[in-house]
């Protein structure tokens, strides 16, 4: 992988990280009116927000994992250690596995 391509992918990961952090902050800022007449609706909305936050945190962990990799290991499959296809990394810069290993899971 060229240095330019790696830098572009890193920039994508940094932008994705910033977006995920922003979304998590927005969810954390949600305030629910405890005096709201329909407490079941509030409970449902709170449950939805918590489920979304869990998904966002998992995505943030994946992005951070990719950012934490050394230049020599980024873009290598964590299972077979072969290079991950550039097209896969362009589509999913936080990919841990090549398409072959990912399809086996």
Protein backbone atom coordinates (compact mmCIF):
# COMPACT_ATOMS: atom_id res chain seq x y z
CA UNK A 1 0.00 0.00 0.00
CA UNK A 2 1.38 3.40 -0.92
CA UNK A 3 2.00 6.08 1.68
CA UNK A 4 -0.56 8.31 -0.02
CA UNK A 5 -3.24 5.60 0.09
CA UNK A 6 -2.46 4.84 3.73
CA UNK A 7 -2.68 8.54 4.60
CA UNK A 8 -6.04 8.82 2.81
CA UNK A 9 -7.40 5.80 4.68
CA UNK A 10 -6.11 7.17 7.98
CA UNK A 11 -7.85 10.48 7.24
CA UNK A 12 -11.09 8.57 6.55
CA UNK A 13 -10.72 6.73 9.86
CA UNK A 14 -10.08 9.99 11.74
CA UNK A 15 -13.17 11.57 10.15
CA UNK A 16 -15.27 8.51 10.98
CA UNK A 17 -14.00 8.58 14.56
CA UNK A 18 -14.94 12.26 14.92
CA UNK A 19 -18.41 11.55 13.52
CA UNK A 20 -18.96 8.60 15.88
CA UNK A 21 -17.83 10.64 18.89
CA UNK A 22 -20.21 13.44 17.85
CA UNK A 23 -23.12 11.01 17.55
CA UNK A 24 -22.35 9.49 20.94
CA UNK A 25 -22.21 12.96 22.48
CA UNK A 26 -25.60 13.77 20.98
CA UNK A 27 -27.11 10.59 22.43
CA UNK A 28 -25.57 11.40 25.80
CA UNK A 29 -27.21 14.84 25.69
CA UNK A 30 -30.72 13.44 25.33
CA UNK A 31 -32.89 14.48 28.23
CA UNK A 32 -36.10 12.66 29.02
CA UNK A 33 -38.91 14.40 30.83
CA UNK A 34 -39.68 12.25 33.86
CA UNK A 35 -43.09 13.95 34.12
CA UNK A 36 -44.04 12.89 30.61
CA UNK A 37 -47.47 11.23 30.67
CA UNK A 38 -46.47 8.21 28.59
CA UNK A 39 -43.61 6.71 30.57
CA UNK A 40 -43.63 3.59 28.39
CA UNK A 41 -42.77 5.76 25.38
CA UNK A 42 -39.91 7.36 27.31
CA UNK A 43 -38.67 3.91 28.34
CA UNK A 44 -38.84 2.70 24.72
CA UNK A 45 -37.00 5.77 23.43
CA UNK A 46 -34.35 5.41 26.12
CA UNK A 47 -33.92 1.73 25.17
CA UNK A 48 -33.53 2.67 21.50
CA UNK A 49 -30.95 5.32 22.38
CA UNK A 50 -29.00 2.83 24.50
CA UNK A 51 -29.04 0.24 21.69
CA UNK A 52 -27.80 2.84 19.21
CA UNK A 53 -25.10 3.97 21.64
CA UNK A 54 -23.92 0.36 21.98
CA UNK A 55 -23.63 0.03 18.19
CA UNK A 56 -21.82 3.36 17.90
CA UNK A 57 -19.38 2.40 20.66
CA UNK A 58 -18.62 -0.90 18.91
CA UNK A 59 -17.99 0.95 15.63
CA UNK A 60 -15.78 3.47 17.46
CA UNK A 61 -13.78 0.60 18.99
CA UNK A 62 -13.19 -0.86 15.50
CA UNK A 63 -12.07 2.49 14.12
CA UNK A 64 -9.78 3.09 17.09
CA UNK A 65 -8.32 -0.40 16.70
CA UNK A 66 -7.45 0.39 13.07
CA UNK A 67 -5.94 3.75 14.04
CA UNK A 68 -3.84 2.11 16.75
CA UNK A 69 -2.20 -0.31 14.31
CA UNK A 70 1.36 0.28 13.24
CA UNK A 71 1.94 1.18 9.59
CA UNK A 72 3.46 -2.27 9.00
CA UNK A 73 0.36 -4.13 10.24
CA UNK A 74 -2.45 -1.89 8.98
CA UNK A 75 -4.06 -3.48 5.95
CA UNK A 76 -3.01 -7.02 6.85
CA UNK A 77 -5.60 -9.64 7.68
CA UNK A 78 -5.58 -10.46 11.40
CA UNK A 79 -6.37 -14.08 10.59
CA UNK A 80 -4.17 -15.11 7.65
CA UNK A 81 -1.80 -12.07 7.66
CA UNK A 82 -2.23 -11.58 3.88
CA UNK A 83 -2.86 -8.04 2.60
CA UNK A 84 -6.47 -6.90 2.62
CA UNK A 85 -7.60 -5.84 -0.86
CA UNK A 86 -7.34 -2.08 -1.39
CA UNK A 87 -10.97 -1.96 -2.56
CA UNK A 88 -12.09 -3.54 0.72
CA UNK A 89 -10.06 -1.03 2.73
CA UNK A 90 -11.48 1.84 0.70
CA UNK A 91 -15.00 0.63 1.44
CA UNK A 92 -14.28 -0.31 5.06
CA UNK A 93 -11.03 1.24 6.33
CA UNK A 94 -11.39 -0.45 9.74
CA UNK A 95 -11.46 -3.94 8.20
CA UNK A 96 -9.59 -6.50 10.31
CA UNK A 97 -9.98 -9.41 7.90
CA UNK A 98 -9.51 -10.02 4.20
CA UNK A 99 -12.67 -10.94 2.29
CA UNK A 100 -11.80 -14.66 2.32
CA UNK A 101 -11.37 -14.83 6.09
CA UNK A 102 -14.39 -12.58 6.69
CA UNK A 103 -16.60 -14.84 4.57
CA UNK A 104 -15.63 -17.87 6.69
CA UNK A 105 -17.11 -16.29 9.83
